[in-house]
Amino acid sequence: MVLEKDQNENVISATFISVDGKNPDRELNDAFTSYAWVSDDYFIFGKYATGLYCYDLQTGNVQTLLDDVSKYEITESSEGRIVYDGIEQRFEF
């Protein structure tokens, strides 16, 4: 994954390059404040005061997981479990 940042070091896009060439390369043109991998195919990202989202690298689709005014600072992740803002949440993918 290659992150593009603005002059203030905020992430403004991410490029995902297939290591083995079996999957398509993808680009996520969306600013986000934190992120975590939950599997090889699913990338979770948080947008401050906006929401928590899942990016499916197989399809290129973005799904809204949560949306309200939380900070969405992701601090941990493992096998569908995300910890953000001190809150633990489980998601099935």
N, C-alpha and C. Protein backbone atom coordinates (compact mmCIF):
# COMPACT_ATOMS: atom_id res chain seq x y z
N MET A 1 0.85 -1.17 0.00
CA MET A 1 0.00 0.00 0.00
C MET A 1 0.90 1.24 0.00
N VAL A 2 0.53 2.18 -0.83
CA VAL A 2 1.24 3.46 -0.91
C VAL A 2 0.26 4.55 -0.53
N LEU A 3 0.62 5.35 0.47
CA LEU A 3 -0.24 6.44 0.91
C LEU A 3 0.23 7.75 0.32
N GLU A 4 -0.70 8.55 -0.19
CA GLU A 4 -0.38 9.90 -0.64
C GLU A 4 -0.87 10.86 0.43
N LYS A 5 0.00 11.79 0.81
CA LYS A 5 -0.34 12.73 1.87
C LYS A 5 -0.23 14.16 1.36
N ASP A 6 -0.98 15.04 2.01
CA ASP A 6 -0.90 16.46 1.66
C ASP A 6 0.24 17.12 2.44
N GLN A 7 0.38 18.41 2.32
CA GLN A 7 1.49 19.13 2.95
C GLN A 7 1.43 19.08 4.47
N ASN A 8 0.26 18.76 5.04
CA ASN A 8 0.10 18.64 6.49
C ASN A 8 0.21 17.20 6.98
N GLU A 9 0.62 16.29 6.08
CA GLU A 9 0.77 14.86 6.38
C GLU A 9 -0.55 14.13 6.59
N ASN A 10 -1.64 14.69 6.09
CA ASN A 10 -2.93 14.01 6.13
C ASN A 10 -3.02 13.09 4.92
N VAL A 11 -3.51 11.87 5.12
CA VAL A 11 -3.67 10.92 4.02
C VAL A 11 -4.80 11.39 3.12
N ILE A 12 -4.52 11.48 1.82
CA ILE A 12 -5.56 11.90 0.87
C ILE A 12 -5.92 10.80 -0.13
N SER A 13 -5.08 9.77 -0.25
CA SER A 13 -5.41 8.63 -1.10
C SER A 13 -4.48 7.46 -0.77
N ALA A 14 -4.91 6.28 -1.19
CA ALA A 14 -4.12 5.07 -0.98
C ALA A 14 -4.15 4.24 -2.26
N THR A 15 -2.99 3.70 -2.62
CA THR A 15 -2.88 2.82 -3.77
C THR A 15 -2.52 1.43 -3.27
N PHE A 16 -3.27 0.44 -3.73
CA PHE A 16 -3.06 -0.95 -3.33
C PHE A 16 -2.55 -1.71 -4.54
N ILE A 17 -1.37 -2.27 -4.43
CA ILE A 17 -0.74 -2.96 -5.55
C ILE A 17 -0.74 -4.46 -5.27
N SER A 18 -1.27 -5.23 -6.21
CA SER A 18 -1.31 -6.68 -6.06
C SER A 18 0.11 -7.24 -6.08
N VAL A 19 0.46 -7.99 -5.05
CA VAL A 19 1.81 -8.55 -4.95
C VAL A 19 2.02 -9.65 -5.97
N ASP A 20 1.02 -10.51 -6.15
CA ASP A 20 1.17 -11.65 -7.06
C ASP A 20 0.58 -11.42 -8.44
N GLY A 21 -0.08 -10.29 -8.65
CA GLY A 21 -0.67 -9.99 -9.95
C GLY A 21 -1.99 -10.70 -10.20
N LYS A 22 -2.47 -11.49 -9.26
CA LYS A 22 -3.73 -12.21 -9.43
C LYS A 22 -4.95 -11.33 -9.18
N ASN A 23 -4.75 -10.27 -8.43
CA ASN A 23 -5.83 -9.34 -8.14
C ASN A 23 -5.54 -7.99 -8.78
N PRO A 24 -6.58 -7.23 -9.05
CA PRO A 24 -6.35 -5.91 -9.67
C PRO A 24 -5.72 -4.93 -8.69
N ASP A 25 -4.90 -4.04 -9.21
CA ASP A 25 -4.42 -2.92 -8.40
C ASP A 25 -5.61 -2.00 -8.17
N ARG A 26 -5.66 -1.36 -7.03
CA ARG A 26 -6.78 -0.48 -6.70
C ARG A 26 -6.27 0.84 -6.15
N GLU A 27 -7.10 1.87 -6.28
CA GLU A 27 -6.78 3.17 -5.71
C GLU A 27 -8.01 3.70 -4.98
N LEU A 28 -7.80 4.13 -3.74
CA LEU A 28 -8.86 4.70 -2.93
C LEU A 28 -8.59 6.20 -2.84
N ASN A 29 -9.40 6.98 -3.52
CA ASN A 29 -9.24 8.44 -3.53
C ASN A 29 -10.18 9.05 -2.50
N ASP A 30 -9.78 8.93 -1.26
CA ASP A 30 -10.59 9.44 -0.16
C ASP A 30 -9.66 9.75 1.00
N ALA A 31 -9.84 10.87 1.63
CA ALA A 31 -9.01 11.24 2.79
C ALA A 31 -9.48 10.45 4.01
N PHE A 32 -8.53 10.01 4.83
CA PHE A 32 -8.89 9.32 6.07
C PHE A 32 -7.84 9.59 7.13
N THR A 33 -8.26 9.40 8.39
CA THR A 33 -7.39 9.76 9.52
C THR A 33 -6.75 8.55 10.19
N SER A 34 -7.33 7.37 10.03
CA SER A 34 -6.73 6.15 10.59
C SER A 34 -7.19 4.97 9.74
N TYR A 35 -6.47 3.85 9.89
CA TYR A 35 -6.82 2.69 9.09
C TYR A 35 -6.30 1.41 9.73
N ALA A 36 -6.83 0.28 9.24
CA ALA A 36 -6.39 -1.03 9.70
C ALA A 36 -6.78 -2.07 8.66
N TRP A 37 -5.98 -3.10 8.56
CA TRP A 37 -6.30 -4.26 7.73
C TRP A 37 -7.03 -5.27 8.59
N VAL A 38 -8.15 -5.80 8.12
CA VAL A 38 -8.83 -6.87 8.84
C VAL A 38 -8.70 -8.21 8.13
N SER A 39 -8.26 -8.17 6.88
CA SER A 39 -7.96 -9.39 6.12
C SER A 39 -7.19 -8.94 4.87
N ASP A 40 -6.82 -9.90 4.04
CA ASP A 40 -6.12 -9.56 2.80
C ASP A 40 -7.01 -8.76 1.84
N ASP A 41 -8.31 -8.89 1.99
CA ASP A 41 -9.25 -8.27 1.06
C ASP A 41 -9.98 -7.04 1.61
N TYR A 42 -9.94 -6.83 2.92
CA TYR A 42 -10.72 -5.75 3.52
C TYR A 42 -9.84 -4.78 4.30
N PHE A 43 -9.99 -3.52 3.95
CA PHE A 43 -9.24 -2.41 4.53
C PHE A 43 -10.25 -1.49 5.20
N ILE A 44 -10.09 -1.27 6.49
CA ILE A 44 -11.00 -0.41 7.24
C ILE A 44 -10.34 0.96 7.41
N PHE A 45 -11.11 2.02 7.21
CA PHE A 45 -10.55 3.35 7.43
C PHE A 45 -11.56 4.24 8.14
N GLY A 46 -11.02 5.13 8.97
CA GLY A 46 -11.84 6.07 9.72
C GLY A 46 -11.64 7.48 9.21
N LYS A 47 -12.72 8.21 9.17
CA LYS A 47 -12.68 9.62 8.79
C LYS A 47 -13.20 10.42 9.98
N TYR A 48 -12.38 11.30 10.47
CA TYR A 48 -12.70 12.08 11.67
C TYR A 48 -14.07 12.74 11.55
N ALA A 49 -14.92 12.50 12.55
CA ALA A 49 -16.26 13.09 12.66
C ALA A 49 -17.16 12.78 11.47
N THR A 50 -16.84 11.70 10.75
CA THR A 50 -17.64 11.34 9.58
C THR A 50 -18.10 9.89 9.62
N GLY A 51 -17.15 8.96 9.77
CA GLY A 51 -17.57 7.56 9.79
C GLY A 51 -16.42 6.57 9.74
N LEU A 52 -16.81 5.31 9.81
CA LEU A 52 -15.89 4.18 9.71
C LEU A 52 -16.34 3.40 8.48
N TYR A 53 -15.39 3.07 7.61
CA TYR A 53 -15.71 2.49 6.31
C TYR A 53 -14.87 1.26 6.04
N CYS A 54 -15.39 0.41 5.17
CA CYS A 54 -14.67 -0.79 4.73
C CYS A 54 -14.47 -0.70 3.23
N TYR A 55 -13.23 -0.87 2.80
CA TYR A 55 -12.91 -0.89 1.38
C TYR A 55 -12.62 -2.33 0.98
N ASP A 56 -13.39 -2.85 0.04
CA ASP A 56 -13.24 -4.21 -0.47
C ASP A 56 -12.28 -4.17 -1.66
N LEU A 57 -11.11 -4.75 -1.48
CA LEU A 57 -10.11 -4.69 -2.53
C LEU A 57 -10.44 -5.59 -3.72
N GLN A 58 -11.31 -6.55 -3.56
CA GLN A 58 -11.72 -7.39 -4.68
C GLN A 58 -12.65 -6.64 -5.63
N THR A 59 -13.59 -5.88 -5.06
CA THR A 59 -14.60 -5.21 -5.88
C THR A 59 -14.33 -3.72 -6.08
N GLY A 60 -13.55 -3.13 -5.17
CA GLY A 60 -13.33 -1.69 -5.22
C GLY A 60 -14.46 -0.89 -4.58
N ASN A 61 -15.40 -1.57 -3.92
CA ASN A 61 -16.54 -0.91 -3.29
C ASN A 61 -16.21 -0.47 -1.87
N VAL A 62 -16.81 0.64 -1.47
CA VAL A 62 -16.69 1.15 -0.11
C VAL A 62 -18.04 0.99 0.57
N GLN A 63 -18.02 0.41 1.77
CA GLN A 63 -19.24 0.21 2.56
C GLN A 63 -19.13 1.03 3.84
N THR A 64 -20.18 1.73 4.19
CA THR A 64 -20.23 2.47 5.44
C THR A 64 -20.53 1.49 6.57
N LEU A 65 -19.67 1.47 7.58
CA LEU A 65 -19.89 0.62 8.74
C LEU A 65 -20.57 1.38 9.87
N LEU A 66 -20.11 2.60 10.12
CA LEU A 66 -20.67 3.47 11.16
C LEU A 66 -20.59 4.90 10.66
N ASP A 67 -21.58 5.70 11.03
CA ASP A 67 -21.50 7.12 10.65
C ASP A 67 -22.13 8.00 11.73
N ASP A 68 -21.30 8.76 12.38
CA ASP A 68 -21.71 9.78 13.33
C ASP A 68 -20.50 10.68 13.57
N VAL A 69 -20.46 11.40 14.65
CA VAL A 69 -19.42 12.40 14.83
C VAL A 69 -18.25 11.95 15.71
N SER A 70 -17.98 10.66 15.79
CA SER A 70 -16.84 10.16 16.56
C SER A 70 -15.52 10.51 15.88
N LYS A 71 -14.43 10.37 16.63
CA LYS A 71 -13.10 10.63 16.06
C LYS A 71 -12.70 9.52 15.09
N TYR A 72 -13.09 8.28 15.37
CA TYR A 72 -12.72 7.12 14.55
C TYR A 72 -11.21 6.94 14.44
N GLU A 73 -10.54 7.01 15.57
CA GLU A 73 -9.10 6.77 15.64
C GLU A 73 -8.92 5.28 15.92
N ILE A 74 -8.60 4.50 14.88
CA ILE A 74 -8.44 3.05 15.00
C ILE A 74 -7.10 2.76 15.69
N THR A 75 -7.16 1.96 16.75
CA THR A 75 -5.94 1.64 17.49
C THR A 75 -5.58 0.16 17.44
N GLU A 76 -6.56 -0.70 17.15
CA GLU A 76 -6.29 -2.14 17.07
C GLU A 76 -7.21 -2.77 16.05
N SER A 77 -6.75 -3.91 15.50
CA SER A 77 -7.61 -4.69 14.63
C SER A 77 -7.10 -6.12 14.57
N SER A 78 -8.03 -7.05 14.44
CA SER A 78 -7.68 -8.45 14.21
C SER A 78 -8.94 -9.24 13.89
N GLU A 79 -8.92 -9.95 12.79
CA GLU A 79 -9.98 -10.87 12.39
C GLU A 79 -11.40 -10.31 12.58
N GLY A 80 -11.65 -9.15 12.03
CA GLY A 80 -12.97 -8.55 12.08
C GLY A 80 -13.25 -7.73 13.33
N ARG A 81 -12.28 -7.67 14.25
CA ARG A 81 -12.41 -6.89 15.47
C ARG A 81 -11.64 -5.60 15.32
N ILE A 82 -12.33 -4.49 15.57
CA ILE A 82 -11.72 -3.16 15.47
C ILE A 82 -11.87 -2.45 16.81
N VAL A 83 -10.83 -1.77 17.24
CA VAL A 83 -10.92 -0.91 18.41
C VAL A 83 -10.66 0.51 17.92
N TYR A 84 -11.64 1.38 18.16
CA TYR A 84 -11.51 2.79 17.77
C TYR A 84 -12.05 3.63 18.92
N ASP A 85 -11.40 4.72 19.20
CA ASP A 85 -11.82 5.63 20.26
C ASP A 85 -12.11 4.90 21.58
N GLY A 86 -11.38 3.80 21.85
CA GLY A 86 -11.59 3.02 23.07
C GLY A 86 -12.79 2.10 23.02
N ILE A 87 -13.45 1.99 21.87
CA ILE A 87 -14.64 1.15 21.71
C ILE A 87 -14.27 -0.06 20.87
N GLU A 88 -14.63 -1.25 21.35
CA GLU A 88 -14.38 -2.47 20.57
C GLU A 88 -15.63 -2.81 19.79
N GLN A 89 -15.47 -3.11 18.50
CA GLN A 89 -16.58 -3.41 17.62
C GLN A 89 -16.19 -4.61 16.75
N ARG A 90 -17.12 -5.51 16.53
CA ARG A 90 -16.88 -6.66 15.64
C ARG A 90 -17.70 -6.49 14.37
N PHE A 91 -17.08 -6.84 13.25
CA PHE A 91 -17.75 -6.78 11.96
C PHE A 91 -17.52 -8.11 11.25
N GLU A 92 -18.49 -8.55 10.48
CA GLU A 92 -18.34 -9.75 9.67
C GLU A 92 -18.15 -9.35 8.22
N PHE A 93 -17.13 -9.93 7.61
CA PHE A 93 -16.84 -9.61 6.21
C PHE A 93 -16.87 -10.87 5.38
